[in-house]
Amino acid sequence: KQWEDSEDIVFADKAASYQRYQGSKFVRDFD
């Protein structure tokens, strides 16, 4: 699911963005 779309990307980011998204989404409803 988180493999980079481009073969030429310098710094992989797709999985990192996924982690940050999951954290931000979670704190909307949980303490």
Full PDB file with SEQRES, HELIX, SHEET, SSBOND, CRYST1, ORIGX, SCALE, CONECT and MASTER records, all heavy atoms in Angstrom:
SEQRES   1 A   31  LYS GLN TRP GLU ASP SER GLU ASP ILE VAL PHE ALA ASP          
SEQRES   2 A   31  LYS ALA ALA SER TYR GLN ARG TYR GLN GLY SER LYS PHE          
SEQRES   3 A   31  VAL ARG ASP PHE ASP                                          
HELIX    1 AA1 LYS A   14  PHE A   26  1                                  13    
CRYST1    1.000    1.000    1.000  90.00  90.00  90.00 P 1           1          
ORIGX1      1.000000  0.000000  0.000000        0.00000                         
ORIGX2      0.000000  1.000000  0.000000        0.00000                         
ORIGX3      0.000000  0.000000  1.000000        0.00000                         
SCALE1      1.000000  0.000000  0.000000        0.00000                         
SCALE2      0.000000  1.000000  0.000000        0.00000                         
SCALE3      0.000000  0.000000  1.000000        0.00000                         
ATOM      1  N   LYS A   1       0.791  -1.232   0.000  1.00  0.00           N  
ATOM      2  CA  LYS A   1       0.000   0.000   0.000  1.00  0.00           C  
ATOM      3  C   LYS A   1       0.825   1.285   0.000  1.00  0.00           C  
ATOM      4  O   LYS A   1       0.375   2.315  -0.496  1.00  0.00           O  
ATOM      5  CB  LYS A   1      -0.919   0.010   1.234  1.00  0.00           C  
ATOM      6  CG  LYS A   1      -2.035  -1.013   1.175  1.00  0.00           C  
ATOM      7  CD  LYS A   1      -3.043  -0.659   0.100  1.00  0.00           C  
ATOM      8  CE  LYS A   1      -4.260  -1.550   0.152  1.00  0.00           C  
ATOM      9  NZ  LYS A   1      -5.263  -1.188  -0.882  1.00  0.00           N  
ATOM     10  N   GLN A   2       2.040   1.259   0.566  1.00  0.00           N  
ATOM     11  CA  GLN A   2       2.798   2.499   0.724  1.00  0.00           C  
ATOM     12  C   GLN A   2       4.072   2.565  -0.125  1.00  0.00           C  
ATOM     13  O   GLN A   2       4.968   3.350   0.159  1.00  0.00           O  
ATOM     14  CB  GLN A   2       3.142   2.720   2.207  1.00  0.00           C  
ATOM     15  CG  GLN A   2       2.072   3.461   2.990  1.00  0.00           C  
ATOM     16  CD  GLN A   2       0.863   2.612   3.270  1.00  0.00           C  
ATOM     17  OE1 GLN A   2       1.001   1.501   3.783  1.00  0.00           O  
ATOM     18  NE2 GLN A   2      -0.320   3.115   2.957  1.00  0.00           N  
ATOM     19  N   TRP A   3       4.152   1.740  -1.157  1.00  0.00           N  
ATOM     20  CA  TRP A   3       5.324   1.801  -2.036  1.00  0.00           C  
ATOM     21  C   TRP A   3       5.283   3.101  -2.829  1.00  0.00           C  
ATOM     22  O   TRP A   3       4.228   3.549  -3.260  1.00  0.00           O  
ATOM     23  CB  TRP A   3       5.341   0.608  -2.985  1.00  0.00           C  
ATOM     24  CG  TRP A   3       6.721   0.318  -3.514  1.00  0.00           C  
ATOM     25  CD1 TRP A   3       7.253   0.784  -4.674  1.00  0.00           C  
ATOM     26  CD2 TRP A   3       7.729  -0.464  -2.893  1.00  0.00           C  
ATOM     27  NE1 TRP A   3       8.533   0.340  -4.822  1.00  0.00           N  
ATOM     28  CE2 TRP A   3       8.858  -0.438  -3.736  1.00  0.00           C  
ATOM     29  CE3 TRP A   3       7.798  -1.198  -1.706  1.00  0.00           C  
ATOM     30  CZ2 TRP A   3      10.045  -1.108  -3.439  1.00  0.00           C  
ATOM     31  CZ3 TRP A   3       8.977  -1.864  -1.414  1.00  0.00           C  
ATOM     32  CH2 TRP A   3      10.078  -1.814  -2.263  1.00  0.00           C  
ATOM     33  N   GLU A   4       6.432   3.738  -3.007  1.00  0.00           N  
ATOM     34  CA  GLU A   4       6.483   5.009  -3.730  1.00  0.00           C  
ATOM     35  C   GLU A   4       6.078   4.818  -5.195  1.00  0.00           C  
ATOM     36  O   GLU A   4       6.457   3.834  -5.835  1.00  0.00           O  
ATOM     37  CB  GLU A   4       7.891   5.604  -3.656  1.00  0.00           C  
ATOM     38  CG  GLU A   4       8.365   5.913  -2.247  1.00  0.00           C  
ATOM     39  CD  GLU A   4       7.556   7.007  -1.573  1.00  0.00           C  
ATOM     40  OE1 GLU A   4       6.919   7.800  -2.283  1.00  0.00           O  
ATOM     41  OE2 GLU A   4       7.577   7.065  -0.326  1.00  0.00           O  
ATOM     42  N   ASP A   5       5.319   5.787  -5.727  1.00  0.00           N  
ATOM     43  CA  ASP A   5       4.839   5.700  -7.106  1.00  0.00           C  
ATOM     44  C   ASP A   5       5.950   5.957  -8.121  1.00  0.00           C  
ATOM     45  O   ASP A   5       5.901   5.451  -9.243  1.00  0.00           O  
ATOM     46  CB  ASP A   5       3.706   6.719  -7.328  1.00  0.00           C  
ATOM     47  CG  ASP A   5       2.505   6.428  -6.445  1.00  0.00           C  
ATOM     48  OD1 ASP A   5       2.215   5.235  -6.223  1.00  0.00           O  
ATOM     49  OD2 ASP A   5       1.859   7.387  -5.984  1.00  0.00           O  
ATOM     50  N   SER A   6       6.933   6.743  -7.734  1.00  0.00           N  
ATOM     51  CA  SER A   6       8.012   7.091  -8.666  1.00  0.00           C  
ATOM     52  C   SER A   6       9.278   6.303  -8.368  1.00  0.00           C  
ATOM     53  O   SER A   6       9.639   6.095  -7.207  1.00  0.00           O  
ATOM     54  CB  SER A   6       8.314   8.586  -8.571  1.00  0.00           C  
ATOM     55  OG  SER A   6       9.482   8.911  -9.310  1.00  0.00           O  
ATOM     56  N   GLU A   7       9.936   5.880  -9.410  1.00  0.00           N  
ATOM     57  CA  GLU A   7      11.231   5.199  -9.265  1.00  0.00           C  
ATOM     58  C   GLU A   7      12.349   6.191  -8.957  1.00  0.00           C  
ATOM     59  O   GLU A   7      13.439   5.790  -8.548  1.00  0.00           O  
ATOM     60  CB  GLU A   7      11.567   4.440 -10.552  1.00  0.00           C  
ATOM     61  CG  GLU A   7      10.648   3.279 -10.872  1.00  0.00           C  
ATOM     62  CD  GLU A   7      10.827   2.111  -9.921  1.00  0.00           C  
ATOM     63  OE1 GLU A   7      11.868   2.033  -9.256  1.00  0.00           O  
ATOM     64  OE2 GLU A   7       9.907   1.270  -9.839  1.00  0.00           O  
ATOM     65  N   ASP A   8      12.093   7.477  -9.146  1.00  0.00           N  
ATOM     66  CA  ASP A   8      13.151   8.480  -9.056  1.00  0.00           C  
ATOM     67  C   ASP A   8      13.052   9.357  -7.813  1.00  0.00           C  
ATOM     68  O   ASP A   8      13.774  10.364  -7.701  1.00  0.00           O  
ATOM     69  CB  ASP A   8      13.109   9.377 -10.305  1.00  0.00           C  
ATOM     70  CG  ASP A   8      13.320   8.582 -11.578  1.00  0.00           C  
ATOM     71  OD1 ASP A   8      14.216   7.715 -11.577  1.00  0.00           O  
ATOM     72  OD2 ASP A   8      12.578   8.818 -12.548  1.00  0.00           O  
ATOM     73  N   ILE A   9      12.196   8.999  -6.876  1.00  0.00           N  
ATOM     74  CA  ILE A   9      12.041   9.817  -5.669  1.00  0.00           C  
ATOM     75  C   ILE A   9      13.324   9.778  -4.841  1.00  0.00           C  
ATOM     76  O   ILE A   9      13.999   8.743  -4.746  1.00  0.00           O  
ATOM     77  CB  ILE A   9      10.825   9.338  -4.843  1.00  0.00           C  
ATOM     78  CG1 ILE A   9      10.493  10.355  -3.759  1.00  0.00           C  
ATOM     79  CG2 ILE A   9      11.066   7.956  -4.241  1.00  0.00           C  
ATOM     80  CD1 ILE A   9       9.132  10.149  -3.135  1.00  0.00           C  
ATOM     81  N   VAL A  10      13.717  10.919  -4.265  1.00  0.00           N  
ATOM     82  CA  VAL A  10      14.957  11.007  -3.489  1.00  0.00           C  
ATOM     83  C   VAL A  10      14.731  10.545  -2.053  1.00  0.00           C  
ATOM     84  O   VAL A  10      15.449   9.678  -1.546  1.00  0.00           O  
ATOM     85  CB  VAL A  10      15.499  12.457  -3.512  1.00  0.00           C  
ATOM     86  CG1 VAL A  10      16.754  12.559  -2.625  1.00  0.00           C  
ATOM     87  CG2 VAL A  10      15.816  12.881  -4.933  1.00  0.00           C  
ATOM     88  N   PHE A  11      13.723  11.106  -1.385  1.00  0.00           N  
ATOM     89  CA  PHE A  11      13.420  10.729  -0.007  1.00  0.00           C  
ATOM     90  C   PHE A  11      12.027  10.103   0.052  1.00  0.00           C  
ATOM     91  O   PHE A  11      11.032  10.786  -0.232  1.00  0.00           O  
ATOM     92  CB  PHE A  11      13.479  11.946   0.923  1.00  0.00           C  
ATOM     93  CG  PHE A  11      14.839  12.595   0.982  1.00  0.00           C  
ATOM     94  CD1 PHE A  11      15.059  13.837   0.415  1.00  0.00           C  
ATOM     95  CD2 PHE A  11      15.900  11.945   1.599  1.00  0.00           C  
ATOM     96  CE1 PHE A  11      16.305  14.435   0.465  1.00  0.00           C  
ATOM     97  CE2 PHE A  11      17.150  12.538   1.659  1.00  0.00           C  
ATOM     98  CZ  PHE A  11      17.358  13.775   1.093  1.00  0.00           C  
ATOM     99  N   ALA A  12      11.975   8.839   0.403  1.00  0.00           N  
ATOM    100  CA  ALA A  12      10.682   8.147   0.475  1.00  0.00           C  
ATOM    101  C   ALA A  12       9.773   8.839   1.490  1.00  0.00           C  
ATOM    102  O   ALA A  12      10.218   9.191   2.588  1.00  0.00           O  
ATOM    103  CB  ALA A  12      10.894   6.688   0.865  1.00  0.00           C  
ATOM    104  N   ASP A  13       8.498   9.036   1.112  1.00  0.00           N  
ATOM    105  CA  ASP A  13       7.605   9.799   1.980  1.00  0.00           C  
ATOM    106  C   ASP A  13       6.216   9.175   2.140  1.00  0.00           C  
ATOM    107  O   ASP A  13       5.492   9.522   3.057  1.00  0.00           O  
ATOM    108  CB  ASP A  13       7.444  11.219   1.420  1.00  0.00           C  
ATOM    109  CG  ASP A  13       6.551  12.082   2.288  1.00  0.00           C  
ATOM    110  OD1 ASP A  13       6.931  12.334   3.451  1.00  0.00           O  
ATOM    111  OD2 ASP A  13       5.467  12.476   1.811  1.00  0.00           O  
ATOM    112  N   LYS A  14       5.838   8.268   1.270  1.00  0.00           N  
ATOM    113  CA  LYS A  14       4.457   7.784   1.272  1.00  0.00           C  
ATOM    114  C   LYS A  14       4.101   7.107   2.589  1.00  0.00           C  
ATOM    115  O   LYS A  14       3.048   7.365   3.178  1.00  0.00           O  
ATOM    116  CB  LYS A  14       4.230   6.829   0.098  1.00  0.00           C  
ATOM    117  CG  LYS A  14       2.765   6.590  -0.218  1.00  0.00           C  
ATOM    118  CD  LYS A  14       2.600   5.857  -1.541  1.00  0.00           C  
ATOM    119  CE  LYS A  14       1.122   5.704  -1.878  1.00  0.00           C  
ATOM    120  NZ  LYS A  14       0.929   5.020  -3.190  1.00  0.00           N  
ATOM    121  N   ALA A  15       4.966   6.232   3.090  1.00  0.00           N  
ATOM    122  CA  ALA A  15       4.705   5.559   4.371  1.00  0.00           C  
ATOM    123  C   ALA A  15       4.759   6.557   5.525  1.00  0.00           C  
ATOM    124  O   ALA A  15       3.982   6.466   6.479  1.00  0.00           O  
ATOM    125  CB  ALA A  15       5.700   4.422   4.592  1.00  0.00           C  
ATOM    126  N   ALA A  16       5.677   7.527   5.437  1.00  0.00           N  
ATOM    127  CA  ALA A  16       5.776   8.540   6.492  1.00  0.00           C  
ATOM    128  C   ALA A  16       4.497   9.364   6.557  1.00  0.00           C  
ATOM    129  O   ALA A  16       3.974   9.641   7.648  1.00  0.00           O  
ATOM    130  CB  ALA A  16       6.978   9.445   6.224  1.00  0.00           C  
ATOM    131  N   SER A  17       3.987   9.763   5.398  1.00  0.00           N  
ATOM    132  CA  SER A  17       2.738  10.536   5.362  1.00  0.00           C  
ATOM    133  C   SER A  17       1.585   9.720   5.917  1.00  0.00           C  
ATOM    134  O   SER A  17       0.712  10.260   6.612  1.00  0.00           O  
ATOM    135  CB  SER A  17       2.432  10.965   3.927  1.00  0.00           C  
ATOM    136  OG  SER A  17       3.430  11.833   3.444  1.00  0.00           O  
ATOM    137  N   TYR A  18       1.585   8.437   5.614  1.00  0.00           N  
ATOM    138  CA  TYR A  18       0.527   7.553   6.131  1.00  0.00           C  
ATOM    139  C   TYR A  18       0.559   7.510   7.655  1.00  0.00           C  
ATOM    140  O   TYR A  18      -0.488   7.608   8.309  1.00  0.00           O  
ATOM    141  CB  TYR A  18       0.720   6.151   5.553  1.00  0.00           C  
ATOM    142  CG  TYR A  18      -0.233   5.105   6.095  1.00  0.00           C  
ATOM    143  CD1 TYR A  18      -1.545   5.054   5.660  1.00  0.00           C  
ATOM    144  CD2 TYR A  18       0.192   4.171   7.042  1.00  0.00           C  
ATOM    145  CE1 TYR A  18      -2.425   4.086   6.146  1.00  0.00           C  
ATOM    146  CE2 TYR A  18      -0.664   3.216   7.537  1.00  0.00           C  
ATOM    147  CZ  TYR A  18      -1.975   3.173   7.087  1.00  0.00           C  
ATOM    148  OH  TYR A  18      -2.834   2.220   7.574  1.00  0.00           O  
ATOM    149  N   GLN A  19       1.743   7.389   8.241  1.00  0.00           N  
ATOM    150  CA  GLN A  19       1.863   7.341   9.695  1.00  0.00           C  
ATOM    151  C   GLN A  19       1.338   8.628  10.327  1.00  0.00           C  
ATOM    152  O   GLN A  19       0.610   8.612  11.323  1.00  0.00           O  
ATOM    153  CB  GLN A  19       3.316   7.119  10.108  1.00  0.00           C  
ATOM    154  CG  GLN A  19       3.901   5.764   9.705  1.00  0.00           C  
ATOM    155  CD  GLN A  19       3.169   4.602  10.340  1.00  0.00           C  
ATOM    156  OE1 GLN A  19       2.385   3.909   9.683  1.00  0.00           O  
ATOM    157  NE2 GLN A  19       3.400   4.378  11.624  1.00  0.00           N  
ATOM    158  N   ARG A  20       1.732   9.765   9.761  1.00  0.00           N  
ATOM    159  CA  ARG A  20       1.308  11.052  10.310  1.00  0.00           C  
ATOM    160  C   ARG A  20      -0.204  11.244  10.146  1.00  0.00           C  
ATOM    161  O   ARG A  20      -0.869  11.778  11.043  1.00  0.00           O  
ATOM    162  CB  ARG A  20       2.079  12.195   9.648  1.00  0.00           C  
ATOM    163  CG  ARG A  20       3.550  12.196  10.048  1.00  0.00           C  
ATOM    164  CD  ARG A  20       4.297  13.408   9.510  1.00  0.00           C  
ATOM    165  NE  ARG A  20       5.682  13.383   9.963  1.00  0.00           N  
ATOM    166  CZ  ARG A  20       6.108  13.831  11.137  1.00  0.00           C  
ATOM    167  NH1 ARG A  20       5.235  14.357  11.989  1.00  0.00           N  
ATOM    168  NH2 ARG A  20       7.379  13.769  11.467  1.00  0.00           N  
ATOM    169  N   TYR A  21      -0.734  10.816   9.023  1.00  0.00           N  
ATOM    170  CA  TYR A  21      -2.179  10.919   8.806  1.00  0.00           C  
ATOM    171  C   TYR A  21      -2.939  10.095   9.833  1.00  0.00           C  
ATOM    172  O   TYR A  21      -3.930  10.557  10.416  1.00  0.00           O  
ATOM    173  CB  TYR A  21      -2.525  10.463   7.391  1.00  0.00           C  
ATOM    174  CG  TYR A  21      -4.006  10.238   7.190  1.00  0.00           C  
ATOM    175  CD1 TYR A  21      -4.885  11.313   7.075  1.00  0.00           C  
ATOM    176  CD2 TYR A  21      -4.524   8.951   7.137  1.00  0.00           C  
ATOM    177  CE1 TYR A  21      -6.248  11.106   6.907  1.00  0.00           C  
ATOM    178  CE2 TYR A  21      -5.881   8.726   6.974  1.00  0.00           C  
ATOM    179  CZ  TYR A  21      -6.735   9.816   6.853  1.00  0.00           C  
ATOM    180  OH  TYR A  21      -8.083   9.597   6.703  1.00  0.00           O  
ATOM    181  N   GLN A  22      -2.488   8.868  10.064  1.00  0.00           N  
ATOM    182  CA  GLN A  22      -3.174   7.999  11.023  1.00  0.00           C  
ATOM    183  C   GLN A  22      -3.145   8.599  12.424  1.00  0.00           C  
ATOM    184  O   GLN A  22      -4.138   8.545  13.155  1.00  0.00           O  
ATOM    185  CB  GLN A  22      -2.532   6.608  11.027  1.00  0.00           C  
ATOM    186  CG  GLN A  22      -2.783   5.791   9.773  1.00  0.00           C  
ATOM    187  CD  GLN A  22      -4.242   5.442   9.573  1.00  0.00           C  
ATOM    188  OE1 GLN A  22      -5.008   5.333  10.526  1.00  0.00           O  
ATOM    189  NE2 GLN A  22      -4.636   5.246   8.324  1.00  0.00           N  
ATOM    190  N   GLY A  23      -2.013   9.190  12.815  1.00  0.00           N  
ATOM    191  CA  GLY A  23      -1.932   9.817  14.132  1.00  0.00           C  
ATOM    192  C   GLY A  23      -2.854  11.009  14.256  1.00  0.00           C  
ATOM    193  O   GLY A  23      -3.577  11.157  15.245  1.00  0.00           O  
ATOM    194  N   SER A  24      -2.869  11.870  13.238  1.00  0.00           N  
ATOM    195  CA  SER A  24      -3.713  13.059  13.283  1.00  0.00           C  
ATOM    196  C   SER A  24      -5.191  12.708  13.265  1.00  0.00           C  
ATOM    197  O   SER A  24      -6.005  13.344  13.957  1.00  0.00           O  
ATOM    198  CB  SER A  24      -3.377  13.970  12.089  1.00  0.00           C  
ATOM    199  OG  SER A  24      -2.052  14.446  12.186  1.00  0.00           O  
ATOM    200  N   LYS A  25      -5.563  11.705  12.498  1.00  0.00           N  
ATOM    201  CA  LYS A  25      -6.966  11.278  12.436  1.00  0.00           C  
ATOM    202  C   LYS A  25      -7.422  10.700  13.773  1.00  0.00           C  
ATOM    203  O   LYS A  25      -8.535  10.980  14.238  1.00  0.00           O  
ATOM    204  CB  LYS A  25      -7.148  10.228  11.326  1.00  0.00           C  
ATOM    205  CG  LYS A  25      -8.576   9.759  11.159  1.00  0.00           C  
ATOM    206  CD  LYS A  25      -8.710   8.769  10.015  1.00  0.00           C  
ATOM    207  CE  LYS A  25      -8.123   7.418  10.363  1.00  0.00           C  
ATOM    208  NZ  LYS A  25      -8.467   6.369   9.359  1.00  0.00           N  
ATOM    209  N   PHE A  26      -6.557   9.960  14.409  1.00  0.00           N  
ATOM    210  CA  PHE A  26      -6.929   9.263  15.639  1.00  0.00           C  
ATOM    211  C   PHE A  26      -7.239  10.232  16.773  1.00  0.00           C  
ATOM    212  O   PHE A  26      -8.177  10.020  17.549  1.00  0.00           O  
ATOM    213  CB  PHE A  26      -5.796   8.320  16.047  1.00  0.00           C  
ATOM    214  CG  PHE A  26      -6.102   7.484  17.257  1.00  0.00           C  
ATOM    215  CD1 PHE A  26      -7.042   6.476  17.210  1.00  0.00           C  
ATOM    216  CD2 PHE A  26      -5.439   7.711  18.460  1.00  0.00           C  
ATOM    217  CE1 PHE A  26      -7.334   5.708  18.318  1.00  0.00           C  
ATOM    218  CE2 PHE A  26      -5.721   6.945  19.577  1.00  0.00           C  
ATOM    219  CZ  PHE A  26      -6.674   5.936  19.506  1.00  0.00           C  
ATOM    220  N   VAL A  27      -6.468  11.309  16.897  1.00  0.00           N  
ATOM    221  CA  VAL A  27      -6.627  12.206  18.045  1.00  0.00           C  
ATOM    222  C   VAL A  27      -7.897  13.055  17.962  1.00  0.00           C  
ATOM    223  O   VAL A  27      -8.250  13.738  18.928  1.00  0.00           O  
ATOM    224  CB  VAL A  27      -5.403  13.122  18.238  1.00  0.00           C  
ATOM    225  CG1 VAL A  27      -4.152  12.291  18.458  1.00  0.00           C  
ATOM    226  CG2 VAL A  27      -5.211  14.069  17.056  1.00  0.00           C  
ATOM    227  N   ARG A  28      -8.616  12.998  16.849  1.00  0.00           N  
ATOM    228  CA  ARG A  28      -9.889  13.716  16.768  1.00  0.00           C  
ATOM    229  C   ARG A  28     -10.924  13.112  17.714  1.00  0.00           C  
ATOM    230  O   ARG A  28     -11.801  13.818  18.216  1.00  0.00           O  
ATOM    231  CB  ARG A  28     -10.436  13.661  15.337  1.00  0.00           C  
ATOM    232  CG  ARG A  28      -9.558  14.325  14.282  1.00  0.00           C  
ATOM    233  CD  ARG A  28     -10.124  14.044  12.894  1.00  0.00           C  
ATOM    234  NE  ARG A  28      -9.131  14.277  11.849  1.00  0.00           N  
ATOM    235  CZ  ARG A  28      -9.229  13.773  10.623  1.00  0.00           C  
ATOM    236  NH1 ARG A  28     -10.273  13.020  10.290  1.00  0.00           N  
ATOM    237  NH2 ARG A  28      -8.298  14.027   9.716  1.00  0.00           N  
ATOM    238  N   ASP A  29     -10.839  11.819  17.935  1.00  0.00           N  
ATOM    239  CA  ASP A  29     -11.875  11.121  18.706  1.00  0.00           C  
ATOM    240  C   ASP A  29     -11.380  10.491  20.002  1.00  0.00           C  
ATOM    241  O   ASP A  29     -12.194  10.019  20.790  1.00  0.00           O  
ATOM    242  CB  ASP A  29     -12.507  10.011  17.843  1.00  0.00           C  
ATOM    243  CG  ASP A  29     -13.150  10.547  16.581  1.00  0.00           C  
ATOM    244  OD1 ASP A  29     -13.854  11.560  16.674  1.00  0.00           O  
ATOM    245  OD2 ASP A  29     -12.921   9.965  15.512  1.00  0.00           O  
ATOM    246  N   PHE A  30     -10.065  10.468  20.229  1.00  0.00           N  
ATOM    247  CA  PHE A  30      -9.529   9.755  21.380  1.00  0.00           C  
ATOM    248  C   PHE A  30      -8.695  10.703  22.238  1.00  0.00           C  
ATOM    249  O   PHE A  30      -8.176  11.711  21.756  1.00  0.00           O  
ATOM    250  CB  PHE A  30      -8.666   8.575  20.928  1.00  0.00           C  
ATOM    251  CG  PHE A  30      -8.928   7.307  21.688  1.00  0.00           C  
ATOM    252  CD1 PHE A  30      -9.916   6.439  21.288  1.00  0.00           C  
ATOM    253  CD2 PHE A  30      -8.198   7.009  22.834  1.00  0.00           C  
ATOM    254  CE1 PHE A  30     -10.181   5.275  21.999  1.00  0.00           C  
ATOM    255  CE2 PHE A  30      -8.446   5.856  23.548  1.00  0.00           C  
ATOM    256  CZ  PHE A  30      -9.445   4.993  23.128  1.00  0.00           C  
ATOM    257  N   ASP A  31      -8.569  10.405  23.522  1.00  0.00           N  
ATOM    258  CA  ASP A  31      -7.716  11.207  24.394  1.00  0.00           C  
ATOM    259  C   ASP A  31      -6.540  10.376  24.893  1.00  0.00           C  
ATOM    260  O   ASP A  31      -6.617   9.141  24.963  1.00  0.00           O  
ATOM    261  CB  ASP A  31      -8.516  11.794  25.562  1.00  0.00           C  
ATOM    262  CG  ASP A  31      -8.982  10.738  26.546  1.00  0.00           C  
ATOM    263  OD1 ASP A  31      -8.170  10.348  27.409  1.00  0.00           O  
ATOM    264  OD2 ASP A  31     -10.148  10.318  26.476  1.00  0.00           O  
TER     265      ASP A  31                                                      
MASTER        0    0    0    1    0    0    0    6  264    1    0    3          
END                                                                             
